[in-house]
C-alpha cells in the first residue's frame, strides 16, 4: 500500500513538472470566472504566480514593444517570475529599461517608452467585473529609476485613464499603494493594471530604470 501511495505522489510531481507554471495550473479551478463566486481578495499576482485566470501563462501579460527581445540584457528585462526581489516571498514582476527607443509590434513605429499590462482575457477581449463588488485595488512596488525617468501605473486600462494615473518619479523601497475603485462600473475591463516607463519630458532622453511589482489584488 505504501509503495502505491509513493508511486502516485511521484506521478503527480512528474505531471506538474511539465507545466510552465505548475502551481498556477493547480490553482486555476474556475472559481474566479463566476460572477457569483468572486474571491475576496482576488489576488491577481503573488510571489511569481499570476492568478488572473488567463491561460496559457504566456498570454497573461501584454506588451507592445520589442525592446526585451531585440535588446535583451541585464537591464532590458520583462519577467513575471523574477527571483531574488520580492515583497511577499522570493519572486516578483520585474520590468527594466535602458532608456533607448523601441519598436512597436503592430506598426514597427518607434516609441520612447516601454509598457506591460496584466490582461483580463487571453484574446484581449473585455471581462465583466461589475458583479464582484470590489472597492479597492492594491499592490506593492519597488522602483530604481535613472535620470529623467518616470513610471506611470494605470488601473483597468492602458492609456485610457479611467482612473488618475499614479506616477512614480523617484526610487523607492517596497511601497504600498491602494486605489479606490468603488464608483467604477466595471462592465468591460480589458486590463487589470498597466505599467509604463518613459522620460519625464516627452522630448527628452532618460536613463531608464527598473520597477518591481508584487501582491497585486482586488478586494471588497
Protein backbone atom coordinates (compact mmCIF):
# COMPACT_ATOMS: atom_id res chain seq x y z
CA UNK A 1 0.00 0.00 0.00
CA UNK A 2 2.86 2.39 0.89
CA UNK A 3 4.51 1.65 -2.45
CA UNK A 4 1.31 2.52 -4.32
CA UNK A 5 1.00 5.86 -2.49
CA UNK A 6 4.65 6.68 -3.23
CA UNK A 7 4.19 5.92 -6.93
CA UNK A 8 1.12 8.16 -7.08
CA UNK A 9 2.97 11.05 -5.41
CA UNK A 10 5.86 10.69 -7.85
CA UNK A 11 3.41 10.65 -10.77
CA UNK A 12 1.79 13.88 -9.60
CA UNK A 13 5.17 15.65 -9.39
CA UNK A 14 6.18 14.32 -12.81
CA UNK A 15 2.95 15.65 -14.32
CA UNK A 16 3.31 19.08 -12.67
CA UNK A 17 6.89 19.38 -13.86
CA UNK A 18 5.67 19.57 -17.46
CA UNK A 19 3.76 22.80 -16.81
CA UNK A 20 5.17 26.29 -17.37
CA UNK A 21 3.54 27.33 -14.10
CA UNK A 22 2.57 24.18 -12.21
CA UNK A 23 1.44 25.92 -9.02
CA UNK A 24 -0.78 28.26 -11.00
CA UNK A 25 -2.20 25.39 -13.04
CA UNK A 26 -3.34 23.65 -9.87
CA UNK A 27 -4.96 26.85 -8.58
CA UNK A 28 -6.85 27.76 -11.75
CA UNK A 29 -10.05 25.88 -10.90
CA UNK A 30 -12.53 28.29 -12.49
CA UNK A 31 -13.92 29.75 -9.27
CA UNK A 32 -12.94 33.30 -10.23
CA UNK A 33 -14.78 33.04 -13.57
CA UNK A 34 -18.19 33.07 -11.91
CA UNK A 35 -19.80 36.46 -11.23
CA UNK A 36 -21.41 34.97 -8.13
CA UNK A 37 -18.20 33.47 -6.70
CA UNK A 38 -15.62 36.25 -6.73
CA UNK A 39 -12.94 35.72 -4.14
CA UNK A 40 -12.20 38.36 -1.53
CA UNK A 41 -9.47 39.26 -2.01
CA UNK A 42 -8.95 38.32 -5.65
CA UNK A 43 -5.16 38.01 -5.73
CA UNK A 44 -4.06 38.86 -9.27
CA UNK A 45 -0.35 38.31 -8.66
CA UNK A 46 1.58 36.96 -5.70
CA UNK A 47 5.22 35.88 -5.42
CA UNK A 48 5.65 34.74 -9.02
CA UNK A 49 2.15 33.38 -9.59
CA UNK A 50 -0.22 35.19 -11.97
CA UNK A 51 -3.74 34.21 -10.84
CA UNK A 52 -5.82 36.19 -13.34
CA UNK A 53 -7.27 33.03 -14.92
CA UNK A 54 -5.67 33.89 -18.27
CA UNK A 55 -4.22 30.72 -19.80
CA UNK A 56 -1.75 29.80 -21.12
CA UNK A 57 0.65 31.52 -18.73
CA UNK A 58 2.45 33.39 -21.55
CA UNK A 59 -0.80 35.12 -22.58
CA UNK A 60 -1.41 36.62 -19.14
CA UNK A 61 0.92 39.58 -19.83
CA UNK A 62 0.61 42.04 -22.72
CA UNK A 63 3.25 44.37 -24.19
CA UNK A 64 3.55 46.40 -27.37
CA UNK A 65 7.29 46.93 -27.99
CA UNK A 66 10.15 44.61 -28.86
CA UNK A 67 12.73 46.13 -26.51
CA UNK A 68 13.11 42.99 -24.39
CA UNK A 69 13.59 40.72 -27.42
CA UNK A 70 15.72 42.99 -29.63
CA UNK A 71 17.92 44.49 -26.92
CA UNK A 72 17.64 41.93 -24.16
CA UNK A 73 20.20 42.47 -21.41
CA UNK A 74 20.54 42.59 -17.64
CA UNK A 75 18.80 45.99 -17.76
CA UNK A 76 16.26 45.34 -20.54
CA UNK A 77 14.12 42.68 -18.96
CA UNK A 78 10.46 41.78 -18.51
CA UNK A 79 9.97 38.76 -16.27
CA UNK A 80 6.90 37.64 -14.37
CA UNK A 81 8.81 35.28 -12.11
CA UNK A 82 11.93 37.24 -11.26
CA UNK A 83 13.81 35.58 -8.43
CA UNK A 84 15.59 37.35 -5.61
CA UNK A 85 13.48 40.50 -5.19
CA UNK A 86 10.02 40.25 -3.64
CA UNK A 87 7.72 41.84 -1.11
CA UNK A 88 5.83 38.68 -0.22
CA UNK A 89 8.24 35.84 -0.88
CA UNK A 90 11.15 35.45 -3.30
CA UNK A 91 9.73 36.40 -6.75
CA UNK A 92 8.18 39.49 -8.33
CA UNK A 93 7.28 41.03 -11.69
CA UNK A 94 10.34 42.91 -12.95
CA UNK A 95 10.38 45.45 -15.79
CA UNK A 96 13.70 47.06 -16.71
CA UNK A 97 14.61 49.50 -19.48
CA UNK A 98 17.88 51.15 -20.53
CA UNK A 99 16.12 54.22 -21.95
CA UNK A 100 16.61 53.63 -25.68
CA UNK A 101 13.66 53.80 -28.12
CA UNK A 102 11.98 50.56 -29.16
CA UNK A 103 9.73 49.38 -31.97
CA UNK A 104 6.05 48.53 -31.60
CA UNK A 105 4.83 45.09 -32.61
CA UNK A 106 1.84 46.29 -34.64
CA UNK A 107 3.23 49.08 -36.83
CA UNK A 108 7.01 49.00 -36.31
CA UNK A 109 6.90 52.65 -35.30
CA UNK A 110 9.47 53.88 -32.78
CA UNK A 111 8.36 54.89 -29.29
CA UNK A 112 10.31 56.34 -26.40
CA UNK A 113 8.76 54.24 -23.66
CA UNK A 114 8.08 50.67 -22.61
CA UNK A 115 4.98 49.13 -21.04
CA UNK A 116 3.37 45.90 -19.93
CA UNK A 117 -0.05 45.00 -18.55
CA UNK A 118 -1.93 42.13 -16.94
CA UNK A 119 -4.71 41.02 -19.28
CA UNK A 120 -8.22 40.02 -18.22
CA UNK A 121 -8.60 37.56 -21.14
CA UNK A 122 -6.16 35.68 -23.36
CA UNK A 123 -7.54 37.12 -26.62
CA UNK A 124 -7.63 40.72 -25.40
CA UNK A 125 -11.42 40.97 -25.16
CA UNK A 126 -13.03 42.57 -22.11
CA UNK A 127 -14.20 40.90 -18.90
CA UNK A 128 -17.17 41.92 -16.76
CA UNK A 129 -16.24 42.64 -13.15
CA UNK A 130 -19.24 44.68 -12.04
CA UNK A 131 -20.89 41.74 -10.25
CA UNK A 132 -17.88 41.23 -8.00
CA UNK A 133 -18.39 44.32 -5.86
CA UNK A 134 -14.72 45.17 -5.50
CA UNK A 135 -13.95 48.55 -3.94
CA UNK A 136 -10.15 48.56 -3.72
CA UNK A 137 -7.21 47.81 -6.00
CA UNK A 138 -3.85 47.48 -4.26
CA UNK A 139 -0.27 46.50 -4.98
CA UNK A 140 3.30 46.79 -3.71
CA UNK A 141 6.07 48.30 -5.83
CA UNK A 142 9.80 48.97 -5.66
CA UNK A 143 11.44 51.41 -8.08
CA UNK A 144 15.03 52.08 -9.18
CA UNK A 145 14.90 54.98 -11.65
CA UNK A 146 17.63 56.65 -13.67
CA UNK A 147 17.82 60.32 -14.65
CA UNK A 148 14.70 61.98 -16.10
CA UNK A 149 12.67 58.76 -15.88
CA UNK A 150 9.18 58.15 -14.51
CA UNK A 151 6.80 55.22 -14.20
CA UNK A 152 3.04 55.56 -14.71
CA UNK A 153 0.66 52.92 -13.36
CA UNK A 154 -2.92 52.78 -14.63
CA UNK A 155 -5.79 50.64 -13.35
CA UNK A 156 -8.27 48.79 -15.62
CA UNK A 157 -6.88 50.11 -18.91
CA UNK A 158 -3.75 51.07 -20.77
CA UNK A 159 -3.76 54.68 -21.90
CA UNK A 160 -7.49 55.34 -21.42
CA UNK A 161 -7.09 56.90 -17.96
CA UNK A 162 -10.22 55.53 -16.31
CA UNK A 163 -8.58 56.49 -13.04
CA UNK A 164 -6.00 59.22 -12.39
CA UNK A 165 -2.59 57.86 -13.29
CA UNK A 166 -0.31 57.01 -10.40
CA UNK A 167 3.17 58.33 -11.28
CA UNK A 168 6.48 57.35 -9.69
CA UNK A 169 9.31 59.79 -10.34
CA UNK A 170 11.96 58.69 -7.85
CA UNK A 171 13.41 55.49 -6.48
CA UNK A 172 11.81 53.78 -3.51
CA UNK A 173 11.93 50.71 -1.34
CA UNK A 174 8.89 48.45 -1.19
CA UNK A 175 5.86 50.78 -1.03
CA UNK A 176 2.14 50.01 -0.71
CA UNK A 177 -0.43 51.69 -2.97
CA UNK A 178 -4.22 51.40 -2.65
CA UNK A 179 -6.75 52.87 -5.12
CA UNK A 180 -10.48 53.36 -4.50
CA UNK A 181 -12.49 51.79 -7.35
CA UNK A 182 -15.87 51.73 -5.58
CA UNK A 183 -17.52 54.20 -8.00
CA UNK A 184 -16.33 52.49 -11.18
CA UNK A 185 -18.88 50.39 -13.08
CA UNK A 186 -16.51 47.71 -14.32
CA UNK A 187 -18.64 46.13 -17.04
CA UNK A 188 -15.87 45.91 -19.64
CA UNK A 189 -12.32 45.60 -18.32
CA UNK A 190 -9.51 44.64 -20.69
CA UNK A 191 -6.52 45.25 -18.43
CA UNK A 192 -6.20 44.86 -14.68
CA UNK A 193 -3.09 47.00 -14.37
CA UNK A 194 -0.62 48.58 -16.80
CA UNK A 195 2.88 49.89 -16.11
CA UNK A 196 4.64 52.38 -18.41
CA UNK A 197 8.20 53.67 -18.08
CA UNK A 198 9.17 56.80 -20.05
CA UNK A 199 11.09 60.10 -19.97
CA UNK A 200 9.66 62.74 -17.63
CA UNK A 201 9.60 65.13 -20.61
CA UNK A 202 8.31 63.57 -23.87
CA UNK A 203 11.14 65.03 -25.96
CA UNK A 204 13.92 64.19 -23.51
CA UNK A 205 16.18 61.19 -23.29
CA UNK A 206 16.34 59.34 -19.98
CA UNK A 207 18.37 56.83 -18.06
CA UNK A 208 15.64 54.22 -17.84
CA UNK A 209 15.24 52.15 -14.72
CA UNK A 210 13.67 49.12 -13.09
CA UNK A 211 10.38 48.54 -11.31
CA UNK A 212 9.22 45.50 -9.35
CA UNK A 213 5.58 44.68 -8.51
CA UNK A 214 4.16 42.14 -6.10
CA UNK A 215 0.97 41.23 -4.21
CA UNK A 216 -1.48 42.80 -6.70
CA UNK A 217 -5.08 42.33 -5.61
CA UNK A 218 -8.73 43.38 -5.80
CA UNK A 219 -10.73 43.45 -2.57
CA UNK A 220 -14.16 44.44 -1.25
